[in-house]
N, C-alpha and C. Protein backbone atom coordinates (compact mmCIF):
# COMPACT_ATOMS: atom_id res chain seq x y z
N ILE A 1 0.86 -1.18 0.00
CA ILE A 1 0.00 0.00 0.00
C ILE A 1 0.90 1.23 0.00
N GLY A 2 0.68 2.13 -0.98
CA GLY A 2 1.52 3.32 -1.07
C GLY A 2 2.90 2.97 -1.57
N CYS A 3 2.96 2.17 -2.64
CA CYS A 3 4.23 1.61 -3.13
C CYS A 3 5.14 2.63 -3.80
N GLY A 4 4.61 3.80 -4.16
CA GLY A 4 5.45 4.80 -4.82
C GLY A 4 6.08 4.23 -6.08
N GLY A 5 7.38 4.45 -6.24
CA GLY A 5 8.09 3.97 -7.42
C GLY A 5 8.45 2.50 -7.41
N GLY A 6 8.03 1.77 -6.38
CA GLY A 6 8.17 0.32 -6.38
C GLY A 6 9.45 -0.25 -5.80
N LEU A 7 10.20 0.51 -5.02
CA LEU A 7 11.47 0.01 -4.49
C LEU A 7 11.29 -1.23 -3.62
N VAL A 8 10.35 -1.21 -2.70
CA VAL A 8 10.11 -2.37 -1.84
C VAL A 8 9.52 -3.51 -2.65
N CYS A 9 8.62 -3.19 -3.56
CA CYS A 9 8.04 -4.23 -4.43
C CYS A 9 9.13 -4.98 -5.17
N GLU A 10 10.08 -4.25 -5.73
CA GLU A 10 11.16 -4.88 -6.48
C GLU A 10 12.04 -5.75 -5.59
N ALA A 11 12.35 -5.26 -4.40
CA ALA A 11 13.18 -6.05 -3.48
C ALA A 11 12.49 -7.36 -3.12
N LEU A 12 11.18 -7.32 -2.93
CA LEU A 12 10.43 -8.54 -2.61
C LEU A 12 10.35 -9.46 -3.82
N ALA A 13 10.10 -8.90 -5.00
CA ALA A 13 10.01 -9.71 -6.22
C ALA A 13 11.35 -10.39 -6.53
N GLN A 14 12.45 -9.72 -6.25
CA GLN A 14 13.77 -10.31 -6.46
C GLN A 14 14.01 -11.51 -5.55
N ARG A 15 13.21 -11.61 -4.49
CA ARG A 15 13.31 -12.73 -3.57
C ARG A 15 12.18 -13.74 -3.80
N ASP A 16 11.65 -13.71 -5.02
CA ASP A 16 10.64 -14.67 -5.49
C ASP A 16 9.26 -14.51 -4.85
N ALA A 17 8.96 -13.36 -4.28
CA ALA A 17 7.61 -13.11 -3.78
C ALA A 17 6.70 -12.75 -4.95
N ILE A 18 5.44 -13.09 -4.83
CA ILE A 18 4.42 -12.64 -5.79
C ILE A 18 3.93 -11.31 -5.23
N VAL A 19 4.13 -10.23 -5.99
CA VAL A 19 3.95 -8.88 -5.45
C VAL A 19 2.91 -8.08 -6.22
N THR A 20 2.07 -7.39 -5.45
CA THR A 20 1.15 -6.38 -5.98
C THR A 20 1.48 -5.07 -5.28
N GLY A 21 1.60 -4.00 -6.02
CA GLY A 21 1.85 -2.68 -5.45
C GLY A 21 0.76 -1.72 -5.87
N ILE A 22 0.21 -0.98 -4.90
CA ILE A 22 -0.81 0.03 -5.22
C ILE A 22 -0.38 1.39 -4.67
N ASP A 23 -0.79 2.42 -5.38
CA ASP A 23 -0.49 3.79 -4.99
C ASP A 23 -1.50 4.69 -5.68
N LEU A 24 -1.81 5.82 -5.08
CA LEU A 24 -2.73 6.78 -5.70
C LEU A 24 -2.05 7.67 -6.73
N GLY A 25 -0.72 7.67 -6.75
CA GLY A 25 0.01 8.51 -7.70
C GLY A 25 0.21 7.82 -9.03
N ARG A 26 -0.47 8.30 -10.06
CA ARG A 26 -0.37 7.70 -11.39
C ARG A 26 1.07 7.74 -11.90
N THR A 27 1.76 8.85 -11.72
CA THR A 27 3.14 8.96 -12.20
C THR A 27 4.04 7.96 -11.49
N ALA A 28 3.87 7.80 -10.18
CA ALA A 28 4.67 6.83 -9.42
C ALA A 28 4.44 5.42 -9.95
N ILE A 29 3.19 5.08 -10.23
CA ILE A 29 2.88 3.74 -10.75
C ILE A 29 3.51 3.55 -12.13
N GLU A 30 3.45 4.56 -12.98
CA GLU A 30 4.07 4.46 -14.30
C GLU A 30 5.58 4.25 -14.20
N VAL A 31 6.22 4.96 -13.28
CA VAL A 31 7.66 4.79 -13.06
C VAL A 31 7.94 3.38 -12.56
N ALA A 32 7.14 2.90 -11.61
CA ALA A 32 7.33 1.56 -11.06
C ALA A 32 7.16 0.49 -12.13
N GLU A 33 6.13 0.65 -12.96
CA GLU A 33 5.89 -0.33 -14.04
C GLU A 33 7.05 -0.36 -15.03
N LEU A 34 7.54 0.81 -15.40
CA LEU A 34 8.66 0.89 -16.35
C LEU A 34 9.92 0.26 -15.76
N HIS A 35 10.21 0.58 -14.51
CA HIS A 35 11.41 0.04 -13.89
C HIS A 35 11.33 -1.47 -13.73
N ALA A 36 10.15 -1.99 -13.36
CA ALA A 36 9.98 -3.45 -13.24
C ALA A 36 10.18 -4.12 -14.59
N LEU A 37 9.64 -3.50 -15.63
CA LEU A 37 9.79 -4.04 -16.99
C LEU A 37 11.27 -4.08 -17.38
N GLU A 38 11.97 -2.98 -17.14
CA GLU A 38 13.40 -2.91 -17.47
C GLU A 38 14.23 -3.90 -16.64
N SER A 39 13.75 -4.21 -15.43
CA SER A 39 14.47 -5.13 -14.55
C SER A 39 14.07 -6.58 -14.76
N GLY A 40 13.07 -6.81 -15.60
CA GLY A 40 12.61 -8.17 -15.85
C GLY A 40 11.84 -8.78 -14.69
N LEU A 41 11.23 -7.94 -13.88
CA LEU A 41 10.48 -8.43 -12.72
C LEU A 41 8.99 -8.43 -13.01
N LYS A 42 8.31 -9.46 -12.52
CA LYS A 42 6.86 -9.54 -12.70
C LYS A 42 6.20 -9.02 -11.42
N ILE A 43 5.67 -7.80 -11.52
CA ILE A 43 4.99 -7.15 -10.40
C ILE A 43 3.69 -6.58 -10.94
N SER A 44 2.62 -6.80 -10.23
CA SER A 44 1.33 -6.24 -10.62
C SER A 44 1.14 -4.90 -9.92
N TYR A 45 1.04 -3.82 -10.69
CA TYR A 45 0.86 -2.49 -10.12
C TYR A 45 -0.53 -1.96 -10.45
N GLY A 46 -1.06 -1.13 -9.55
CA GLY A 46 -2.34 -0.49 -9.80
C GLY A 46 -2.43 0.87 -9.14
N CYS A 47 -3.09 1.79 -9.82
CA CYS A 47 -3.35 3.12 -9.28
C CYS A 47 -4.71 3.04 -8.60
N GLU A 48 -4.69 2.76 -7.30
CA GLU A 48 -5.93 2.44 -6.60
C GLU A 48 -5.76 2.74 -5.11
N ALA A 49 -6.84 3.17 -4.47
CA ALA A 49 -6.84 3.39 -3.03
C ALA A 49 -6.85 2.05 -2.30
N ALA A 50 -6.24 2.03 -1.14
CA ALA A 50 -6.19 0.80 -0.33
C ALA A 50 -7.59 0.28 -0.03
N GLU A 51 -8.50 1.19 0.27
CA GLU A 51 -9.86 0.79 0.62
C GLU A 51 -10.55 0.09 -0.54
N ALA A 52 -10.39 0.62 -1.75
CA ALA A 52 -11.00 0.01 -2.94
C ALA A 52 -10.35 -1.34 -3.24
N HIS A 53 -9.04 -1.41 -3.07
CA HIS A 53 -8.34 -2.67 -3.31
C HIS A 53 -8.80 -3.73 -2.30
N ALA A 54 -9.01 -3.32 -1.07
CA ALA A 54 -9.49 -4.25 -0.03
C ALA A 54 -10.90 -4.74 -0.34
N ASP A 55 -11.73 -3.87 -0.89
CA ASP A 55 -13.09 -4.29 -1.27
C ASP A 55 -13.04 -5.41 -2.31
N ALA A 56 -12.09 -5.32 -3.22
CA ALA A 56 -12.00 -6.30 -4.32
C ALA A 56 -11.13 -7.51 -4.00
N HIS A 57 -10.23 -7.38 -3.02
CA HIS A 57 -9.24 -8.44 -2.78
C HIS A 57 -9.10 -8.81 -1.30
N ALA A 58 -10.18 -8.77 -0.56
CA ALA A 58 -10.13 -9.08 0.87
C ALA A 58 -9.55 -10.47 1.11
N GLY A 59 -8.66 -10.55 2.10
CA GLY A 59 -8.07 -11.83 2.49
C GLY A 59 -7.18 -12.47 1.45
N SER A 60 -6.59 -11.68 0.57
CA SER A 60 -5.80 -12.23 -0.55
C SER A 60 -4.30 -12.30 -0.30
N TYR A 61 -3.80 -11.66 0.72
CA TYR A 61 -2.34 -11.52 0.87
C TYR A 61 -1.82 -12.13 2.16
N ASP A 62 -0.63 -12.74 2.07
CA ASP A 62 0.06 -13.26 3.25
C ASP A 62 0.69 -12.13 4.05
N ILE A 63 1.21 -11.14 3.34
CA ILE A 63 1.88 -10.00 3.95
C ILE A 63 1.42 -8.73 3.25
N VAL A 64 1.18 -7.68 4.03
CA VAL A 64 0.85 -6.36 3.49
C VAL A 64 1.84 -5.37 4.11
N THR A 65 2.41 -4.51 3.27
CA THR A 65 3.29 -3.46 3.77
C THR A 65 2.66 -2.10 3.49
N CYS A 66 2.84 -1.22 4.42
CA CYS A 66 2.36 0.16 4.30
C CYS A 66 3.46 1.02 4.91
N LEU A 67 4.40 1.42 4.07
CA LEU A 67 5.64 2.02 4.56
C LEU A 67 5.75 3.50 4.18
N GLU A 68 5.96 4.31 5.18
CA GLU A 68 6.21 5.75 5.00
C GLU A 68 5.10 6.45 4.23
N MET A 69 3.83 6.11 4.53
CA MET A 69 2.75 6.82 3.85
C MET A 69 1.61 7.21 4.78
N LEU A 70 1.46 6.56 5.93
CA LEU A 70 0.34 6.89 6.82
C LEU A 70 0.36 8.35 7.25
N GLU A 71 1.56 8.93 7.38
CA GLU A 71 1.66 10.33 7.79
C GLU A 71 1.27 11.30 6.68
N HIS A 72 0.94 10.78 5.51
CA HIS A 72 0.56 11.64 4.38
C HIS A 72 -0.93 11.57 4.05
N VAL A 73 -1.68 10.71 4.72
CA VAL A 73 -3.09 10.54 4.36
C VAL A 73 -3.99 11.19 5.41
N PRO A 74 -5.16 11.69 4.98
CA PRO A 74 -6.04 12.37 5.93
C PRO A 74 -6.68 11.44 6.96
N ASP A 75 -6.84 10.14 6.63
CA ASP A 75 -7.48 9.20 7.55
C ASP A 75 -6.66 7.91 7.63
N PRO A 76 -5.59 7.91 8.43
CA PRO A 76 -4.76 6.71 8.51
C PRO A 76 -5.52 5.49 9.01
N THR A 77 -6.53 5.68 9.84
CA THR A 77 -7.27 4.51 10.35
C THR A 77 -7.98 3.77 9.23
N SER A 78 -8.42 4.47 8.22
CA SER A 78 -9.07 3.83 7.07
C SER A 78 -8.09 2.95 6.31
N VAL A 79 -6.86 3.42 6.17
CA VAL A 79 -5.82 2.64 5.48
C VAL A 79 -5.45 1.42 6.32
N ILE A 80 -5.34 1.58 7.62
CA ILE A 80 -5.03 0.46 8.52
C ILE A 80 -6.12 -0.60 8.44
N GLN A 81 -7.38 -0.16 8.44
CA GLN A 81 -8.49 -1.11 8.32
C GLN A 81 -8.44 -1.83 6.98
N ALA A 82 -8.10 -1.12 5.91
CA ALA A 82 -7.99 -1.74 4.59
C ALA A 82 -6.86 -2.77 4.58
N ALA A 83 -5.73 -2.44 5.19
CA ALA A 83 -4.61 -3.39 5.26
C ALA A 83 -5.02 -4.65 6.00
N THR A 84 -5.78 -4.48 7.06
CA THR A 84 -6.27 -5.64 7.83
C THR A 84 -7.19 -6.50 6.98
N ARG A 85 -8.06 -5.87 6.21
CA ARG A 85 -8.97 -6.64 5.34
C ARG A 85 -8.22 -7.35 4.23
N LEU A 86 -7.13 -6.77 3.75
CA LEU A 86 -6.37 -7.36 2.65
C LEU A 86 -5.60 -8.61 3.06
N VAL A 87 -5.12 -8.65 4.29
CA VAL A 87 -4.27 -9.76 4.72
C VAL A 87 -5.13 -10.97 5.12
N LYS A 88 -4.62 -12.15 4.81
CA LYS A 88 -5.30 -13.39 5.18
C LYS A 88 -5.29 -13.55 6.70
N PRO A 89 -6.22 -14.32 7.26
CA PRO A 89 -6.12 -14.65 8.69
C PRO A 89 -4.76 -15.30 8.96
N GLY A 90 -4.09 -14.83 10.00
CA GLY A 90 -2.75 -15.30 10.32
C GLY A 90 -1.66 -14.55 9.57
N GLY A 91 -2.04 -13.68 8.64
CA GLY A 91 -1.07 -12.91 7.86
C GLY A 91 -0.50 -11.75 8.65
N GLU A 92 0.53 -11.15 8.08
CA GLU A 92 1.25 -10.08 8.77
C GLU A 92 1.15 -8.75 8.02
N VAL A 93 1.11 -7.67 8.79
CA VAL A 93 1.07 -6.32 8.23
C VAL A 93 2.21 -5.53 8.86
N PHE A 94 2.97 -4.84 8.01
CA PHE A 94 4.08 -4.01 8.47
C PHE A 94 3.77 -2.55 8.14
N PHE A 95 3.89 -1.70 9.15
CA PHE A 95 3.70 -0.26 8.97
C PHE A 95 5.02 0.43 9.33
N SER A 96 5.37 1.48 8.60
CA SER A 96 6.43 2.37 9.07
C SER A 96 5.94 3.79 8.88
N THR A 97 6.33 4.64 9.82
CA THR A 97 5.90 6.03 9.77
C THR A 97 6.83 6.86 10.64
N ILE A 98 6.48 8.11 10.82
CA ILE A 98 7.30 9.03 11.61
C ILE A 98 6.60 9.34 12.92
N ASN A 99 7.36 9.25 14.00
CA ASN A 99 6.85 9.53 15.33
C ASN A 99 6.63 11.04 15.51
N ARG A 100 5.64 11.39 16.31
CA ARG A 100 5.36 12.80 16.58
C ARG A 100 6.11 13.22 17.85
N THR A 101 7.38 13.54 17.67
CA THR A 101 8.25 13.98 18.76
C THR A 101 9.03 15.22 18.30
N PRO A 102 9.53 16.00 19.25
CA PRO A 102 10.38 17.13 18.86
C PRO A 102 11.60 16.69 18.04
N LYS A 103 12.18 15.55 18.40
CA LYS A 103 13.34 15.03 17.66
C LYS A 103 12.96 14.72 16.21
N ALA A 104 11.78 14.12 16.01
CA ALA A 104 11.32 13.81 14.65
C ALA A 104 11.09 15.09 13.86
N TYR A 105 10.52 16.11 14.51
CA TYR A 105 10.32 17.39 13.85
C TYR A 105 11.67 17.96 13.40
N ALA A 106 12.64 17.93 14.32
CA ALA A 106 13.96 18.50 14.01
C ALA A 106 14.64 17.76 12.86
N LEU A 107 14.55 16.43 12.85
CA LEU A 107 15.26 15.66 11.83
C LEU A 107 14.47 15.49 10.53
N ALA A 108 13.18 15.15 10.64
CA ALA A 108 12.40 14.83 9.43
C ALA A 108 11.91 16.06 8.69
N ILE A 109 11.66 17.13 9.42
CA ILE A 109 11.17 18.34 8.75
C ILE A 109 12.31 19.35 8.59
N VAL A 110 12.83 19.85 9.70
CA VAL A 110 13.87 20.88 9.61
C VAL A 110 15.11 20.32 8.90
N GLY A 111 15.61 19.19 9.37
CA GLY A 111 16.83 18.63 8.79
C GLY A 111 16.68 18.14 7.37
N ALA A 112 15.71 17.25 7.14
CA ALA A 112 15.58 16.61 5.82
C ALA A 112 15.02 17.55 4.76
N GLU A 113 14.10 18.44 5.16
CA GLU A 113 13.45 19.29 4.16
C GLU A 113 14.17 20.62 3.94
N TYR A 114 14.68 21.22 5.01
CA TYR A 114 15.21 22.58 4.89
C TYR A 114 16.74 22.66 4.95
N VAL A 115 17.37 21.85 5.78
CA VAL A 115 18.83 21.92 5.91
C VAL A 115 19.51 21.07 4.84
N MET A 116 19.19 19.77 4.83
CA MET A 116 19.83 18.84 3.88
C MET A 116 19.19 18.87 2.50
N LYS A 117 17.96 19.38 2.44
CA LYS A 117 17.20 19.45 1.18
C LYS A 117 17.06 18.08 0.51
N LEU A 118 16.85 17.05 1.35
CA LEU A 118 16.61 15.70 0.84
C LEU A 118 15.18 15.55 0.33
N LEU A 119 14.29 16.35 0.88
CA LEU A 119 12.87 16.32 0.51
C LEU A 119 12.41 17.73 0.20
N THR A 120 11.35 17.82 -0.58
CA THR A 120 10.75 19.12 -0.89
C THR A 120 10.18 19.73 0.38
N PRO A 121 10.48 21.00 0.67
CA PRO A 121 9.88 21.63 1.85
C PRO A 121 8.35 21.53 1.80
N GLY A 122 7.77 21.16 2.93
CA GLY A 122 6.32 20.97 3.01
C GLY A 122 5.88 19.54 2.78
N THR A 123 6.84 18.63 2.53
CA THR A 123 6.49 17.22 2.33
C THR A 123 5.77 16.67 3.55
N HIS A 124 6.24 17.03 4.73
CA HIS A 124 5.65 16.51 5.97
C HIS A 124 4.95 17.61 6.76
N THR A 125 3.94 17.20 7.49
CA THR A 125 3.22 18.07 8.42
C THR A 125 3.33 17.44 9.80
N TYR A 126 3.91 18.14 10.74
CA TYR A 126 4.16 17.59 12.08
C TYR A 126 2.90 17.01 12.71
N GLU A 127 1.79 17.68 12.55
CA GLU A 127 0.54 17.22 13.18
C GLU A 127 0.08 15.86 12.65
N ARG A 128 0.56 15.47 11.48
CA ARG A 128 0.18 14.17 10.91
C ARG A 128 1.13 13.04 11.30
N PHE A 129 2.22 13.38 11.98
CA PHE A 129 3.10 12.33 12.47
C PHE A 129 2.32 11.50 13.49
N ILE A 130 2.68 10.24 13.65
CA ILE A 130 1.88 9.30 14.42
C ILE A 130 2.72 8.66 15.52
N LYS A 131 2.27 8.81 16.75
CA LYS A 131 2.96 8.17 17.87
C LYS A 131 2.75 6.65 17.82
N PRO A 132 3.73 5.87 18.25
CA PRO A 132 3.55 4.42 18.28
C PRO A 132 2.32 3.98 19.07
N SER A 133 2.01 4.69 20.14
CA SER A 133 0.82 4.33 20.93
C SER A 133 -0.46 4.51 20.11
N GLU A 134 -0.50 5.53 19.26
CA GLU A 134 -1.67 5.75 18.40
C GLU A 134 -1.77 4.66 17.34
N LEU A 135 -0.65 4.37 16.68
CA LEU A 135 -0.67 3.33 15.65
C LEU A 135 -1.00 1.97 16.26
N SER A 136 -0.50 1.71 17.45
CA SER A 136 -0.83 0.46 18.14
C SER A 136 -2.32 0.36 18.41
N ARG A 137 -2.90 1.43 18.93
CA ARG A 137 -4.34 1.43 19.23
C ARG A 137 -5.17 1.26 17.96
N TRP A 138 -4.84 2.00 16.91
CA TRP A 138 -5.59 1.90 15.66
C TRP A 138 -5.45 0.50 15.06
N SER A 139 -4.27 -0.09 15.18
CA SER A 139 -4.05 -1.44 14.66
C SER A 139 -4.89 -2.45 15.44
N ARG A 140 -4.87 -2.35 16.76
CA ARG A 140 -5.70 -3.26 17.58
C ARG A 140 -7.18 -3.07 17.27
N ASP A 141 -7.61 -1.82 17.14
CA ASP A 141 -9.02 -1.55 16.81
C ASP A 141 -9.41 -2.16 15.47
N ALA A 142 -8.46 -2.29 14.55
CA ALA A 142 -8.73 -2.86 13.22
C ALA A 142 -8.66 -4.38 13.23
N GLY A 143 -8.22 -4.96 14.35
CA GLY A 143 -8.15 -6.42 14.43
C GLY A 143 -6.76 -6.99 14.28
N LEU A 144 -5.74 -6.16 14.47
CA LEU A 144 -4.35 -6.62 14.37
C LEU A 144 -3.74 -6.70 15.76
N GLU A 145 -2.83 -7.64 15.93
CA GLU A 145 -2.05 -7.76 17.16
C GLU A 145 -0.67 -7.16 16.88
N VAL A 146 -0.23 -6.28 17.75
CA VAL A 146 1.10 -5.67 17.59
C VAL A 146 2.14 -6.66 18.12
N LEU A 147 3.08 -7.05 17.26
CA LEU A 147 4.11 -8.02 17.62
C LEU A 147 5.44 -7.36 18.00
N ASP A 148 5.77 -6.25 17.34
CA ASP A 148 7.06 -5.61 17.62
C ASP A 148 7.06 -4.18 17.07
N ILE A 149 7.85 -3.34 17.71
CA ILE A 149 8.10 -1.97 17.24
C ILE A 149 9.60 -1.74 17.34
N VAL A 150 10.20 -1.32 16.24
CA VAL A 150 11.63 -1.00 16.23
C VAL A 150 11.83 0.36 15.57
N GLY A 151 12.93 0.99 15.89
CA GLY A 151 13.27 2.25 15.26
C GLY A 151 13.94 2.03 13.91
N ILE A 152 13.87 3.04 13.07
CA ILE A 152 14.57 3.05 11.79
C ILE A 152 15.43 4.30 11.78
N GLU A 153 16.72 4.13 11.61
CA GLU A 153 17.64 5.27 11.56
C GLU A 153 18.20 5.41 10.15
N TYR A 154 18.22 6.64 9.67
CA TYR A 154 18.80 6.94 8.36
C TYR A 154 19.98 7.88 8.55
N GLN A 155 21.10 7.50 7.99
CA GLN A 155 22.30 8.34 8.05
C GLN A 155 22.44 9.04 6.69
N PRO A 156 22.08 10.32 6.59
CA PRO A 156 22.06 10.99 5.28
C PRO A 156 23.42 11.12 4.61
N PHE A 157 24.49 11.15 5.37
CA PHE A 157 25.81 11.32 4.75
C PHE A 157 26.30 10.03 4.11
N THR A 158 25.99 8.89 4.75
CA THR A 158 26.40 7.60 4.20
C THR A 158 25.27 6.92 3.42
N LYS A 159 24.07 7.48 3.53
CA LYS A 159 22.87 6.93 2.89
C LYS A 159 22.59 5.50 3.33
N VAL A 160 22.87 5.24 4.60
CA VAL A 160 22.63 3.92 5.18
C VAL A 160 21.42 4.00 6.09
N CYS A 161 20.54 3.02 5.94
CA CYS A 161 19.35 2.90 6.76
C CYS A 161 19.49 1.63 7.58
N ARG A 162 19.17 1.70 8.88
CA ARG A 162 19.29 0.50 9.70
C ARG A 162 18.22 0.47 10.79
N ILE A 163 17.97 -0.73 11.27
CA ILE A 163 17.03 -0.93 12.37
C ILE A 163 17.74 -0.54 13.66
N SER A 164 17.01 0.11 14.57
CA SER A 164 17.59 0.51 15.85
C SER A 164 16.58 0.24 16.97
N ARG A 165 17.00 0.53 18.17
CA ARG A 165 16.10 0.40 19.33
C ARG A 165 15.40 1.72 19.64
N ASP A 166 15.67 2.74 18.85
CA ASP A 166 15.14 4.08 19.11
C ASP A 166 14.04 4.44 18.12
N PRO A 167 12.77 4.37 18.55
CA PRO A 167 11.66 4.71 17.64
C PRO A 167 11.27 6.18 17.68
N SER A 168 12.15 7.05 18.17
CA SER A 168 11.76 8.45 18.39
C SER A 168 11.62 9.27 17.12
N VAL A 169 12.14 8.77 15.99
CA VAL A 169 11.97 9.49 14.72
C VAL A 169 11.15 8.62 13.77
N ASN A 170 11.78 7.69 13.11
CA ASN A 170 11.05 6.73 12.26
C ASN A 170 10.94 5.41 13.01
N TYR A 171 9.86 4.68 12.75
CA TYR A 171 9.74 3.37 13.36
C TYR A 171 8.96 2.43 12.45
N LEU A 172 9.16 1.15 12.70
CA LEU A 172 8.51 0.07 11.97
C LEU A 172 7.71 -0.74 12.97
N MET A 173 6.45 -1.00 12.63
CA MET A 173 5.58 -1.80 13.49
C MET A 173 5.19 -3.07 12.75
N HIS A 174 5.42 -4.20 13.41
CA HIS A 174 5.08 -5.52 12.87
C HIS A 174 3.80 -5.98 13.56
N THR A 175 2.77 -6.26 12.78
CA THR A 175 1.49 -6.69 13.33
C THR A 175 1.04 -7.96 12.62
N ALA A 176 0.05 -8.62 13.20
CA ALA A 176 -0.52 -9.81 12.58
C ALA A 176 -2.02 -9.86 12.81
N ARG A 177 -2.71 -10.42 11.85
CA ARG A 177 -4.15 -10.64 11.96
C ARG A 177 -4.36 -12.00 12.62
N ALA A 178 -5.34 -12.10 13.48
CA ALA A 178 -5.63 -13.37 14.16
C ALA A 178 -5.89 -14.46 13.13
N SER A 179 -5.55 -15.69 13.49
CA SER A 179 -5.69 -16.83 12.57
C SER A 179 -7.13 -17.17 12.24
N SER A 180 -8.04 -16.88 13.13
CA SER A 180 -9.44 -17.24 12.83
C SER A 180 -10.35 -16.04 12.86
């Protein structure tokens, strides 16, 4: 969900996963389709909202990812509910987003958008950042069990991203839908 240009989709397809990527951005989907074609990867892409995809494909996926997009949508709970509907019973859903902390504001907005110019200014809105406690509650309300939360650290000078124990800026949440 929110696959953008398909980077995660391609990484999964290279590991022999059967992959579907959806995004509301037509240009992003076109870029993803072209790159998959050039790479010889078989990935099904669609320009479609998560909710509409869930209506048509409920219970179809073993794993659903929703990475770095919840902080950009007006109703993240609707996307979380759609992800829950998409995954099979016993399946797993992974979310990543930005925590609503002063440190996240300093690094993700001031640092990334204005100082380092890694992102277009205005890409993020602090009020849309999501605390792990909020994402946990919304996930449980949607029928998911929270299994783990880890931090994600990005080093802009080395362009290295790694898992950490500090979820104060970016974090990844691993959840699962009950088996029955």
